[in-house]
Structures are given as structure tokens and as C-alpha cells.
PDB file of all heavy atoms in Angstrom:
ATOM      1  N   HIS A   1     -33.010   8.342  -6.690  1.00  0.00           N
ATOM      2  CA  HIS A   1     -33.022   8.580  -8.116  1.00  0.00           C
ATOM      3  C   HIS A   1     -31.643   8.996  -8.592  1.00  0.00           C
ATOM      4  O   HIS A   1     -30.806   9.576  -7.794  1.00  0.00           O
ATOM      5  CB  HIS A   1     -34.062   9.620  -8.439  1.00  0.00           C
ATOM      6  CG  HIS A   1     -35.402   9.320  -7.966  1.00  0.00           C
ATOM      7  ND1 HIS A   1     -36.227   8.263  -8.493  1.00  0.00           N
ATOM      8  CD2 HIS A   1     -36.167   9.853  -6.963  1.00  0.00           C
ATOM      9  CE1 HIS A   1     -37.238   8.213  -7.814  1.00  0.00           C
ATOM     10  NE2 HIS A   1     -37.299   9.176  -6.908  1.00  0.00           N
ATOM     11  N   GLU A   2     -31.350   8.744  -9.970  1.00  0.00           N
ATOM     12  CA  GLU A   2     -30.185   9.158 -10.599  1.00  0.00           C
ATOM     13  C   GLU A   2     -30.375  10.578 -11.057  1.00  0.00           C
ATOM     14  O   GLU A   2     -31.449  10.832 -11.625  1.00  0.00           O
ATOM     15  CB  GLU A   2     -29.774   8.326 -11.600  1.00  0.00           C
ATOM     16  CG  GLU A   2     -29.258   6.901 -11.295  1.00  0.00           C
ATOM     17  CD  GLU A   2     -28.732   6.031 -12.476  1.00  0.00           C
ATOM     18  OE1 GLU A   2     -27.878   6.618 -13.203  1.00  0.00           O
ATOM     19  OE2 GLU A   2     -29.209   4.987 -12.618  1.00  0.00           O
ATOM     20  N   VAL A   3     -29.349  11.432 -11.049  1.00  0.00           N
ATOM     21  CA  VAL A   3     -29.414  12.768 -11.582  1.00  0.00           C
ATOM     22  C   VAL A   3     -28.188  12.960 -12.445  1.00  0.00           C
ATOM     23  O   VAL A   3     -27.104  12.725 -12.100  1.00  0.00           O
ATOM     24  CB  VAL A   3     -29.476  13.949 -10.485  1.00  0.00           C
ATOM     25  CG1 VAL A   3     -29.477  15.273 -11.176  1.00  0.00           C
ATOM     26  CG2 VAL A   3     -30.737  13.736  -9.620  1.00  0.00           C
ATOM     27  N   TRP A   4     -28.389  13.247 -13.758  1.00  0.00           N
ATOM     28  CA  TRP A   4     -27.374  13.557 -14.699  1.00  0.00           C
ATOM     29  C   TRP A   4     -27.436  15.109 -15.002  1.00  0.00           C
ATOM     30  O   TRP A   4     -28.592  15.509 -15.294  1.00  0.00           O
ATOM     31  CB  TRP A   4     -27.483  12.759 -15.872  1.00  0.00           C
ATOM     32  CG  TRP A   4     -27.274  11.292 -15.796  1.00  0.00           C
ATOM     33  CD1 TRP A   4     -27.037  10.620 -14.637  1.00  0.00           C
ATOM     34  CD2 TRP A   4     -27.092  10.283 -16.887  1.00  0.00           C
ATOM     35  NE1 TRP A   4     -26.886   9.265 -14.865  1.00  0.00           N
ATOM     36  CE2 TRP A   4     -26.914   8.997 -16.317  1.00  0.00           C
ATOM     37  CE3 TRP A   4     -27.276  10.347 -18.256  1.00  0.00           C
ATOM     38  CZ2 TRP A   4     -26.684   7.905 -16.999  1.00  0.00           C
ATOM     39  CZ3 TRP A   4     -27.018   9.212 -18.957  1.00  0.00           C
ATOM     40  CH2 TRP A   4     -26.757   8.036 -18.359  1.00  0.00           C
ATOM     41  N   VAL A   5     -26.372  15.718 -15.027  1.00  0.00           N
ATOM     42  CA  VAL A   5     -26.238  17.121 -15.323  1.00  0.00           C
ATOM     43  C   VAL A   5     -25.219  17.302 -16.397  1.00  0.00           C
ATOM     44  O   VAL A   5     -24.077  16.903 -16.246  1.00  0.00           O
ATOM     45  CB  VAL A   5     -25.858  17.905 -14.048  1.00  0.00           C
ATOM     46  CG1 VAL A   5     -25.816  19.327 -14.214  1.00  0.00           C
ATOM     47  CG2 VAL A   5     -26.923  17.729 -12.866  1.00  0.00           C
ATOM     48  N   GLU A   6     -25.604  18.097 -17.387  1.00  0.00           N
ATOM     49  CA  GLU A   6     -24.585  18.492 -18.400  1.00  0.00           C
ATOM     50  C   GLU A   6     -23.570  19.371 -17.861  1.00  0.00           C
ATOM     51  O   GLU A   6     -23.772  20.354 -17.112  1.00  0.00           O
ATOM     52  CB  GLU A   6     -25.302  19.191 -19.634  1.00  0.00           C
ATOM     53  CG  GLU A   6     -24.297  19.581 -20.744  1.00  0.00           C
ATOM     54  CD  GLU A   6     -25.024  20.387 -21.828  1.00  0.00           C
ATOM     55  OE1 GLU A   6     -26.222  20.644 -21.707  1.00  0.00           O
ATOM     56  OE2 GLU A   6     -24.227  20.822 -22.711  1.00  0.00           O
ATOM     57  N   SER A   7     -22.366  19.073 -18.100  1.00  0.00           N
ATOM     58  CA  SER A   7     -21.171  19.869 -17.600  1.00  0.00           C
ATOM     59  C   SER A   7     -21.435  21.352 -17.989  1.00  0.00           C
ATOM     60  O   SER A   7     -21.693  21.800 -19.069  1.00  0.00           O
ATOM     61  CB  SER A   7     -19.920  19.423 -18.276  1.00  0.00           C
ATOM     62  OG  SER A   7     -18.780  20.163 -17.790  1.00  0.00           O
ATOM     63  N   GLY A   8     -21.360  22.218 -16.953  1.00  0.00           N
ATOM     64  CA  GLY A   8     -21.470  23.613 -17.101  1.00  0.00           C
ATOM     65  C   GLY A   8     -22.895  24.095 -16.942  1.00  0.00           C
ATOM     66  O   GLY A   8     -23.076  25.340 -17.136  1.00  0.00           O
ATOM     67  N   ALA A   9     -23.892  23.353 -16.863  1.00  0.00           N
ATOM     68  CA  ALA A   9     -25.220  23.795 -16.800  1.00  0.00           C
ATOM     69  C   ALA A   9     -25.606  24.707 -15.754  1.00  0.00           C
ATOM     70  O   ALA A   9     -26.414  25.565 -15.946  1.00  0.00           O
ATOM     71  CB  ALA A   9     -26.191  22.499 -16.702  1.00  0.00           C
ATOM     72  N   GLY A  10     -24.859  24.619 -14.697  1.00  0.00           N
ATOM     73  CA  GLY A  10     -25.234  25.453 -13.520  1.00  0.00           C
ATOM     74  C   GLY A  10     -24.311  26.788 -13.351  1.00  0.00           C
ATOM     75  O   GLY A  10     -24.558  27.474 -12.328  1.00  0.00           O
ATOM     76  N   LEU A  11     -23.420  26.965 -14.329  1.00  0.00           N
ATOM     77  CA  LEU A  11     -22.447  27.995 -14.132  1.00  0.00           C
ATOM     78  C   LEU A  11     -23.152  29.375 -14.150  1.00  0.00           C
ATOM     79  O   LEU A  11     -22.770  30.300 -13.475  1.00  0.00           O
ATOM     80  CB  LEU A  11     -21.476  28.063 -15.222  1.00  0.00           C
ATOM     81  CG  LEU A  11     -20.538  26.867 -15.268  1.00  0.00           C
ATOM     82  CD1 LEU A  11     -19.623  26.960 -16.350  1.00  0.00           C
ATOM     83  CD2 LEU A  11     -19.731  26.820 -13.975  1.00  0.00           C
ATOM     84  N   GLY A  12     -24.378  29.471 -14.837  1.00  0.00           N
ATOM     85  CA  GLY A  12     -25.077  30.701 -14.819  1.00  0.00           C
ATOM     86  C   GLY A  12     -25.581  31.190 -13.492  1.00  0.00           C
ATOM     87  O   GLY A  12     -25.950  32.302 -13.289  1.00  0.00           O
ATOM     88  N   ILE A  13     -25.743  30.312 -12.576  1.00  0.00           N
ATOM     89  CA  ILE A  13     -26.265  30.549 -11.226  1.00  0.00           C
ATOM     90  C   ILE A  13     -25.126  30.410 -10.188  1.00  0.00           C
ATOM     91  O   ILE A  13     -25.470  30.427  -8.957  1.00  0.00           O
ATOM     92  CB  ILE A  13     -27.523  29.743 -10.825  1.00  0.00           C
ATOM     93  CG1 ILE A  13     -27.129  28.186 -10.704  1.00  0.00           C
ATOM     94  CG2 ILE A  13     -28.719  29.881 -11.855  1.00  0.00           C
ATOM     95  CD1 ILE A  13     -28.149  27.414  -9.988  1.00  0.00           C
ATOM     96  N   GLY A  14     -24.031  30.228 -10.690  1.00  0.00           N
ATOM     97  CA  GLY A  14     -22.731  30.134  -9.720  1.00  0.00           C
ATOM     98  C   GLY A  14     -22.630  28.782  -9.152  1.00  0.00           C
ATOM     99  O   GLY A  14     -22.051  28.583  -8.141  1.00  0.00           O
ATOM    100  N   ALA A  15     -23.198  27.732  -9.812  1.00  0.00           N
ATOM    101  CA  ALA A  15     -23.083  26.404  -9.401  1.00  0.00           C
ATOM    102  C   ALA A  15     -22.168  25.617 -10.298  1.00  0.00           C
ATOM    103  O   ALA A  15     -22.413  25.444 -11.571  1.00  0.00           O
ATOM    104  CB  ALA A  15     -24.475  25.668  -9.364  1.00  0.00           C
ATOM    105  N   SER A  16     -21.166  25.061  -9.733  1.00  0.00           N
ATOM    106  CA  SER A  16     -20.094  24.310 -10.572  1.00  0.00           C
ATOM    107  C   SER A  16     -20.418  22.875 -10.630  1.00  0.00           C
ATOM    108  O   SER A  16     -21.259  22.373  -9.932  1.00  0.00           O
ATOM    109  CB  SER A  16     -18.700  24.461  -9.897  1.00  0.00           C
ATOM    110  OG  SER A  16     -18.772  23.783  -8.556  1.00  0.00           O
ATOM    111  N   ASP A  17     -19.715  22.161 -11.503  1.00  0.00           N
ATOM    112  CA  ASP A  17     -19.900  20.697 -11.758  1.00  0.00           C
ATOM    113  C   ASP A  17     -19.656  20.063 -10.412  1.00  0.00           C
ATOM    114  O   ASP A  17     -20.216  19.087  -9.949  1.00  0.00           O
ATOM    115  CB  ASP A  17     -18.984  20.235 -12.801  1.00  0.00           C
ATOM    116  CG  ASP A  17     -19.432  20.594 -14.149  1.00  0.00           C
ATOM    117  OD1 ASP A  17     -20.426  21.164 -14.342  1.00  0.00           O
ATOM    118  OD2 ASP A  17     -18.667  20.323 -15.108  1.00  0.00           O
ATOM    119  N   ARG A  18     -18.674  20.589  -9.612  1.00  0.00           N
ATOM    120  CA  ARG A  18     -18.173  20.025  -8.424  1.00  0.00           C
ATOM    121  C   ARG A  18     -19.357  20.116  -7.314  1.00  0.00           C
ATOM    122  O   ARG A  18     -19.593  19.208  -6.600  1.00  0.00           O
ATOM    123  CB  ARG A  18     -16.999  20.763  -7.922  1.00  0.00           C
ATOM    124  CG  ARG A  18     -16.413  20.141  -6.509  1.00  0.00           C
ATOM    125  CD  ARG A  18     -15.031  20.659  -6.198  1.00  0.00           C
ATOM    126  NE  ARG A  18     -14.130  20.389  -7.232  1.00  0.00           N
ATOM    127  CZ  ARG A  18     -12.838  20.809  -7.278  1.00  0.00           C
ATOM    128  NH1 ARG A  18     -12.416  21.532  -6.200  1.00  0.00           N
ATOM    129  NH2 ARG A  18     -11.970  20.442  -8.171  1.00  0.00           N
ATOM    130  N   ASP A  19     -20.148  21.196  -7.352  1.00  0.00           N
ATOM    131  CA  ASP A  19     -21.225  21.330  -6.527  1.00  0.00           C
ATOM    132  C   ASP A  19     -22.276  20.181  -6.740  1.00  0.00           C
ATOM    133  O   ASP A  19     -22.923  19.730  -5.865  1.00  0.00           O
ATOM    134  CB  ASP A  19     -21.957  22.695  -6.658  1.00  0.00           C
ATOM    135  CG  ASP A  19     -21.088  23.820  -6.196  1.00  0.00           C
ATOM    136  OD1 ASP A  19     -20.211  23.683  -5.194  1.00  0.00           O
ATOM    137  OD2 ASP A  19     -21.142  25.037  -6.848  1.00  0.00           O
ATOM    138  N   TYR A  20     -22.561  19.928  -8.042  1.00  0.00           N
ATOM    139  CA  TYR A  20     -23.517  18.916  -8.474  1.00  0.00           C
ATOM    140  C   TYR A  20     -22.975  17.549  -8.046  1.00  0.00           C
ATOM    141  O   TYR A  20     -23.899  16.766  -7.551  1.00  0.00           O
ATOM    142  CB  TYR A  20     -23.817  18.980  -9.944  1.00  0.00           C
ATOM    143  CG  TYR A  20     -24.777  20.135 -10.309  1.00  0.00           C
ATOM    144  CD1 TYR A  20     -24.321  21.308 -10.887  1.00  0.00           C
ATOM    145  CD2 TYR A  20     -26.231  19.963 -10.081  1.00  0.00           C
ATOM    146  CE1 TYR A  20     -25.258  22.310 -11.213  1.00  0.00           C
ATOM    147  CE2 TYR A  20     -27.100  20.878 -10.409  1.00  0.00           C
ATOM    148  CZ  TYR A  20     -26.583  22.141 -11.076  1.00  0.00           C
ATOM    149  OH  TYR A  20     -27.437  23.108 -11.390  1.00  0.00           O
ATOM    150  N   GLU A  21     -21.692  17.412  -8.200  1.00  0.00           N
ATOM    151  CA  GLU A  21     -21.167  15.997  -7.803  1.00  0.00           C
ATOM    152  C   GLU A  21     -21.380  15.782  -6.263  1.00  0.00           C
ATOM    153  O   GLU A  21     -21.541  14.703  -5.837  1.00  0.00           O
ATOM    154  CB  GLU A  21     -19.646  15.906  -8.201  1.00  0.00           C
ATOM    155  CG  GLU A  21     -19.598  15.816  -9.907  1.00  0.00           C
ATOM    156  CD  GLU A  21     -18.188  15.789 -10.228  1.00  0.00           C
ATOM    157  OE1 GLU A  21     -17.275  16.587  -9.698  1.00  0.00           O
ATOM    158  OE2 GLU A  21     -17.741  15.016 -11.161  1.00  0.00           O
ATOM    159  N   ALA A  22     -21.013  16.948  -5.601  1.00  0.00           N
ATOM    160  CA  ALA A  22     -21.196  16.790  -4.125  1.00  0.00           C
ATOM    161  C   ALA A  22     -22.673  16.525  -3.670  1.00  0.00           C
ATOM    162  O   ALA A  22     -22.838  15.936  -2.646  1.00  0.00           O
ATOM    163  CB  ALA A  22     -20.730  18.196  -3.455  1.00  0.00           C
ATOM    164  N   ALA A  23     -23.575  16.823  -4.594  1.00  0.00           N
ATOM    165  CA  ALA A  23     -25.049  16.564  -4.363  1.00  0.00           C
ATOM    166  C   ALA A  23     -25.376  15.089  -4.764  1.00  0.00           C
ATOM    167  O   ALA A  23     -26.596  14.671  -4.693  1.00  0.00           O
ATOM    168  CB  ALA A  23     -25.983  17.541  -4.905  1.00  0.00           C
ATOM    169  N   GLY A  24     -24.469  14.420  -5.264  1.00  0.00           N
ATOM    170  CA  GLY A  24     -24.593  13.013  -5.791  1.00  0.00           C
ATOM    171  C   GLY A  24     -25.090  12.863  -7.187  1.00  0.00           C
ATOM    172  O   GLY A  24     -25.422  11.746  -7.622  1.00  0.00           O
ATOM    173  N   ALA A  25     -24.897  13.964  -8.048  1.00  0.00           N
ATOM    174  CA  ALA A  25     -25.292  13.906  -9.395  1.00  0.00           C
ATOM    175  C   ALA A  25     -24.099  13.420 -10.300  1.00  0.00           C
ATOM    176  O   ALA A  25     -22.901  13.564  -9.792  1.00  0.00           O
ATOM    177  CB  ALA A  25     -25.686  15.365  -9.913  1.00  0.00           C
ATOM    178  N   THR A  26     -24.396  12.910 -11.456  1.00  0.00           N
ATOM    179  CA  THR A  26     -23.438  12.556 -12.380  1.00  0.00           C
ATOM    180  C   THR A  26     -23.162  13.571 -13.436  1.00  0.00           C
ATOM    181  O   THR A  26     -24.211  14.053 -14.006  1.00  0.00           O
ATOM    182  CB  THR A  26     -23.724  11.198 -13.136  1.00  0.00           C
ATOM    183  OG1 THR A  26     -23.806  10.182 -12.136  1.00  0.00           O
ATOM    184  CG2 THR A  26     -22.803  10.846 -14.130  1.00  0.00           C
ATOM    185  N   ILE A  27     -21.961  14.092 -13.773  1.00  0.00           N
ATOM    186  CA  ILE A  27     -21.736  15.022 -14.703  1.00  0.00           C
ATOM    187  C   ILE A  27     -21.599  14.410 -16.064  1.00  0.00           C
ATOM    188  O   ILE A  27     -20.738  13.549 -16.279  1.00  0.00           O
ATOM    189  CB  ILE A  27     -20.516  15.965 -14.428  1.00  0.00           C
ATOM    190  CG1 ILE A  27     -20.720  16.557 -13.019  1.00  0.00           C
ATOM    191  CG2 ILE A  27     -20.251  17.021 -15.476  1.00  0.00           C
ATOM    192  CD1 ILE A  27     -21.862  17.480 -12.919  1.00  0.00           C
ATOM    193  N   SER A  28     -22.363  14.859 -17.071  1.00  0.00           N
ATOM    194  CA  SER A  28     -22.368  14.366 -18.409  1.00  0.00           C
ATOM    195  C   SER A  28     -21.694  15.274 -19.361  1.00  0.00           C
ATOM    196  O   SER A  28     -21.763  16.511 -19.070  1.00  0.00           O
ATOM    197  CB  SER A  28     -23.801  14.113 -18.928  1.00  0.00           C
ATOM    198  OG  SER A  28     -24.405  13.105 -18.118  1.00  0.00           O
ATOM    199  N   PRO A  29     -20.961  14.836 -20.342  1.00  0.00           N
ATOM    200  CA  PRO A  29     -20.101  15.710 -21.075  1.00  0.00           C
ATOM    201  C   PRO A  29     -20.948  16.665 -22.039  1.00  0.00           C
ATOM    202  O   PRO A  29     -20.467  17.740 -22.443  1.00  0.00           O
ATOM    203  CB  PRO A  29     -19.249  14.811 -21.985  1.00  0.00           C
ATOM    204  CG  PRO A  29     -20.015  13.499 -21.997  1.00  0.00           C
ATOM    205  CD  PRO A  29     -20.772  13.452 -20.720  1.00  0.00           C
ATOM    206  N   ASP A  30     -22.138  16.307 -22.396  1.00  0.00           N
ATOM    207  CA  ASP A  30     -22.909  17.019 -23.460  1.00  0.00           C
ATOM    208  C   ASP A  30     -24.465  16.811 -23.224  1.00  0.00           C
ATOM    209  O   ASP A  30     -24.845  15.822 -22.458  1.00  0.00           O
ATOM    210  CB  ASP A  30     -22.522  16.775 -24.833  1.00  0.00           C
ATOM    211  CG  ASP A  30     -22.387  15.315 -25.159  1.00  0.00           C
ATOM    212  OD1 ASP A  30     -23.407  14.602 -24.648  1.00  0.00           O
ATOM    213  OD2 ASP A  30     -21.525  14.921 -25.877  1.00  0.00           O
ATOM    214  N   ALA A  31     -25.202  17.624 -23.813  1.00  0.00           N
ATOM    215  CA  ALA A  31     -26.628  17.488 -23.779  1.00  0.00           C
ATOM    216  C   ALA A  31     -27.132  16.146 -24.468  1.00  0.00           C
ATOM    217  O   ALA A  31     -28.035  15.564 -23.996  1.00  0.00           O
ATOM    218  CB  ALA A  31     -27.327  18.706 -24.521  1.00  0.00           C
ATOM    219  N   LYS A  32     -26.353  15.714 -25.506  1.00  0.00           N
ATOM    220  CA  LYS A  32     -26.778  14.477 -26.328  1.00  0.00           C
ATOM    221  C   LYS A  32     -26.839  13.372 -25.274  1.00  0.00           C
ATOM    222  O   LYS A  32     -27.697  12.542 -25.416  1.00  0.00           O
ATOM    223  CB  LYS A  32     -25.695  14.359 -27.328  1.00  0.00           C
ATOM    224  CG  LYS A  32     -26.014  13.076 -28.226  1.00  0.00           C
ATOM    225  CD  LYS A  32     -25.006  12.976 -29.373  1.00  0.00           C
ATOM    226  CE  LYS A  32     -25.228  11.692 -30.200  1.00  0.00           C
ATOM    227  NZ  LYS A  32     -24.325  11.528 -31.344  1.00  0.00           N
ATOM    228  N   THR A  33     -25.830  13.280 -24.365  1.00  0.00           N
ATOM    229  CA  THR A  33     -25.776  12.166 -23.386  1.00  0.00           C
ATOM    230  C   THR A  33     -27.027  12.256 -22.567  1.00  0.00           C
ATOM    231  O   THR A  33     -27.729  11.235 -22.202  1.00  0.00           O
ATOM    232  CB  THR A  33     -24.504  12.246 -22.563  1.00  0.00           C
ATOM    233  OG1 THR A  33     -23.386  12.272 -23.347  1.00  0.00           O
ATOM    234  CG2 THR A  33     -24.443  11.052 -21.613  1.00  0.00           C
ATOM    235  N   ILE A  34     -27.462  13.422 -22.064  1.00  0.00           N
ATOM    236  CA  ILE A  34     -28.663  13.608 -21.273  1.00  0.00           C
ATOM    237  C   ILE A  34     -30.005  13.162 -21.917  1.00  0.00           C
ATOM    238  O   ILE A  34     -30.800  12.353 -21.433  1.00  0.00           O
ATOM    239  CB  ILE A  34     -28.767  15.004 -20.746  1.00  0.00           C
ATOM    240  CG1 ILE A  34     -27.562  15.547 -20.137  1.00  0.00           C
ATOM    241  CG2 ILE A  34     -30.147  15.153 -20.006  1.00  0.00           C
ATOM    242  CD1 ILE A  34     -27.334  14.899 -18.718  1.00  0.00           C
ATOM    243  N   PHE A  35     -30.093  13.707 -23.203  1.00  0.00           N
ATOM    244  CA  PHE A  35     -31.343  13.313 -23.919  1.00  0.00           C
ATOM    245  C   PHE A  35     -31.386  11.839 -24.240  1.00  0.00           C
ATOM    246  O   PHE A  35     -32.404  11.209 -24.259  1.00  0.00           O
ATOM    247  CB  PHE A  35     -31.416  14.176 -25.148  1.00  0.00           C
ATOM    248  CG  PHE A  35     -31.954  15.489 -24.895  1.00  0.00           C
ATOM    249  CD1 PHE A  35     -30.957  16.529 -25.175  1.00  0.00           C
ATOM    250  CD2 PHE A  35     -33.211  15.918 -24.621  1.00  0.00           C
ATOM    251  CE1 PHE A  35     -31.448  17.914 -24.919  1.00  0.00           C
ATOM    252  CE2 PHE A  35     -33.504  17.135 -24.310  1.00  0.00           C
ATOM    253  CZ  PHE A  35     -32.645  18.183 -24.618  1.00  0.00           C
ATOM    254  N   ALA A  36     -30.219  11.177 -24.469  1.00  0.00           N
ATOM    255  CA  ALA A  36     -30.279   9.763 -24.849  1.00  0.00           C
ATOM    256  C   ALA A  36     -30.370   8.887 -23.664  1.00  0.00           C
ATOM    257  O   ALA A  36     -31.046   7.734 -23.839  1.00  0.00           O
ATOM    258  CB  ALA A  36     -28.940   9.460 -25.570  1.00  0.00           C
ATOM    259  N   GLY A  37     -29.986   9.247 -22.489  1.00  0.00           N
ATOM    260  CA  GLY A  37     -29.914   8.394 -21.331  1.00  0.00           C
ATOM    261  C   GLY A  37     -31.042   8.676 -20.338  1.00  0.00           C
ATOM    262  O   GLY A  37     -31.107   7.792 -19.390  1.00  0.00           O
ATOM    263  N   CYS A  38     -31.627   9.674 -20.334  1.00  0.00           N
ATOM    264  CA  CYS A  38     -32.573   9.935 -19.162  1.00  0.00           C
ATOM    265  C   CYS A  38     -34.013   9.803 -19.444  1.00  0.00           C
ATOM    266  O   CYS A  38     -34.525  10.160 -20.659  1.00  0.00           O
ATOM    267  CB  CYS A  38     -32.438  11.505 -18.649  1.00  0.00           C
ATOM    268  SG  CYS A  38     -30.708  11.759 -17.897  1.00  0.00           S
ATOM    269  N   GLU A  39     -34.648   9.308 -18.479  1.00  0.00           N
ATOM    270  CA  GLU A  39     -36.115   9.074 -18.671  1.00  0.00           C
ATOM    271  C   GLU A  39     -37.024  10.296 -18.539  1.00  0.00           C
ATOM    272  O   GLU A  39     -37.968  10.485 -19.042  1.00  0.00           O
ATOM    273  CB  GLU A  39     -36.624   8.082 -17.557  1.00  0.00           C
ATOM    274  CG  GLU A  39     -35.906   6.690 -17.690  1.00  0.00           C
ATOM    275  CD  GLU A  39     -36.030   5.966 -16.233  1.00  0.00           C
ATOM    276  OE1 GLU A  39     -37.107   5.330 -16.069  1.00  0.00           O
ATOM    277  OE2 GLU A  39     -35.215   6.028 -15.528  1.00  0.00           O
ATOM    278  N   MET A  40     -36.472  11.236 -17.799  1.00  0.00           N
ATOM    279  CA  MET A  40     -37.051  12.629 -17.696  1.00  0.00           C
ATOM    280  C   MET A  40     -35.981  13.717 -17.708  1.00  0.00           C
ATOM    281  O   MET A  40     -34.980  13.617 -17.190  1.00  0.00           O
ATOM    282  CB  MET A  40     -37.753  12.763 -16.383  1.00  0.00           C
ATOM    283  CG  MET A  40     -38.450  14.186 -16.065  1.00  0.00           C
ATOM    284  SD  MET A  40     -39.623  14.367 -14.734  1.00  0.00           S
ATOM    285  CE  MET A  40     -38.704  13.780 -13.393  1.00  0.00           C
ATOM    286  N   VAL A  41     -36.402  14.775 -18.634  1.00  0.00           N
ATOM    287  CA  VAL A  41     -35.504  15.913 -18.753  1.00  0.00           C
ATOM    288  C   VAL A  41     -36.230  17.038 -18.242  1.00  0.00           C
ATOM    289  O   VAL A  41     -37.217  17.416 -18.600  1.00  0.00           O
ATOM    290  CB  VAL A  41     -35.118  16.168 -20.203  1.00  0.00           C
ATOM    291  CG1 VAL A  41     -34.282  17.370 -20.517  1.00  0.00           C
ATOM    292  CG2 VAL A  41     -34.408  14.885 -20.882  1.00  0.00           C
ATOM    293  N   VAL A  42     -35.521  17.693 -17.337  1.00  0.00           N
ATOM    294  CA  VAL A  42     -36.017  18.975 -16.575  1.00  0.00           C
ATOM    295  C   VAL A  42     -35.354  20.158 -17.067  1.00  0.00           C
ATOM    296  O   VAL A  42     -34.136  20.256 -16.943  1.00  0.00           O
ATOM    297  CB  VAL A  42     -35.981  18.821 -15.112  1.00  0.00           C
ATOM    298  CG1 VAL A  42     -36.514  20.087 -14.429  1.00  0.00           C
ATOM    299  CG2 VAL A  42     -36.697  17.590 -14.569  1.00  0.00           C
ATOM    300  N   LYS A  43     -36.093  21.106 -17.776  1.00  0.00           N
ATOM    301  CA  LYS A  43     -35.399  22.297 -18.258  1.00  0.00           C
ATOM    302  C   LYS A  43     -36.074  23.539 -17.710  1.00  0.00           C
ATOM    303  O   LYS A  43     -36.892  23.447 -16.739  1.00  0.00           O
ATOM    304  CB  LYS A  43     -35.634  22.290 -19.814  1.00  0.00           C
ATOM    305  CG  LYS A  43     -34.866  21.291 -20.562  1.00  0.00           C
ATOM    306  CD  LYS A  43     -34.915  21.339 -22.134  1.00  0.00           C
ATOM    307  CE  LYS A  43     -34.150  22.452 -22.734  1.00  0.00           C
ATOM    308  NZ  LYS A  43     -34.650  23.782 -22.572  1.00  0.00           N
TER     309      LYS A  43
END
């Protein structure tokens, strides 16, 4: 599956954008991109 993560979403738990990229995720610049492009949004 594809995973899109808004940039900075994981900073509150100590997870950087680089950590998500290493996991195979795509970093998106903003929430608007996530809501527009994803079939499922997990919050």
C-alpha cells in the first residue's frame, strides 16, 4: 500500500519525516494534499 504522511506529523512522538521515508512513506507538504489524494485518512 501507499502511505502519505503530512510533513511534521510525527514530530510530537519524536518521529521525523526521514523516519517515515525510511519506512517507505511519501512525505506530503500539507494536510490538503493528504485529504485530496488519499482513499483512507487515519487520524
